[in-house]
Amino acid sequence: MANADGIDPRERDQIAATGDFYRRSTMGTYGAAILTGGIAVLSYFYA
C-alpha cells in the first residue's frame, strides 16, 4: 500500500534504516580515527 507520495512504507523504513546505519558507521569511523589520533598524541608526549 503506497502512501500519497508513492513510497511503500516498508521501503521508506528500509531507506531510513540504511541512512541511519550509514550515519552511525561514518561517525564510528571518525570516532575511531579521533580516538586513535588522541592516543598517538598522548603516547608521543608522555613517551
Protein backbone atom coordinates (compact mmCIF):
# COMPACT_ATOMS: atom_id res chain seq x y z
CA MET A 1 0.00 0.00 0.00
CA ALA A 2 1.71 3.14 -1.20
CA ASN A 3 1.18 6.44 0.57
CA ALA A 4 0.28 9.72 -1.13
CA ASP A 5 3.94 10.32 -2.03
CA GLY A 6 4.07 6.92 -3.75
CA ILE A 7 6.70 5.35 -1.47
CA ASP A 8 5.95 1.99 0.13
CA PRO A 9 6.15 2.43 3.93
CA ARG A 10 8.32 -0.71 4.20
CA GLU A 11 10.65 0.73 1.58
CA ARG A 12 10.74 4.01 3.50
CA ASP A 13 11.71 2.13 6.67
CA GLN A 14 14.47 0.33 4.77
CA ILE A 15 15.79 3.63 3.39
CA ALA A 16 15.68 5.19 6.86
CA ALA A 17 17.49 2.20 8.40
CA THR A 18 20.14 2.30 5.67
CA GLY A 19 20.70 6.04 6.19
CA ASP A 20 20.89 5.56 9.96
CA PHE A 21 23.38 2.71 9.58
CA TYR A 22 25.46 4.83 7.18
CA ARG A 23 25.46 7.75 9.63
CA ARG A 24 26.43 5.50 12.54
CA SER A 25 29.24 3.78 10.63
CA THR A 26 30.56 7.14 9.40
CA MET A 27 30.52 8.59 12.92
CA GLY A 28 32.12 5.37 14.18
CA THR A 29 34.93 5.74 11.66
CA TYR A 30 35.54 9.38 12.64
CA GLY A 31 35.34 8.44 16.33
CA ALA A 32 37.90 5.66 15.90
CA ALA A 33 40.24 7.96 13.94
CA ILE A 34 39.98 10.71 16.57
CA LEU A 35 40.50 8.22 19.39
CA THR A 36 43.50 6.64 17.67
CA GLY A 37 44.97 10.06 16.92
CA GLY A 38 44.43 11.19 20.51
CA ILE A 39 46.15 8.08 21.88
CA ALA A 40 49.05 8.57 19.46
CA VAL A 41 49.46 12.21 20.54
CA LEU A 42 49.30 11.33 24.23
CA SER A 43 51.80 8.48 23.87
CA TYR A 44 54.05 10.85 21.88
CA PHE A 45 54.04 13.46 24.63
CA TYR A 46 54.30 11.01 27.52
CA ALA A 47 56.76 8.62 25.95
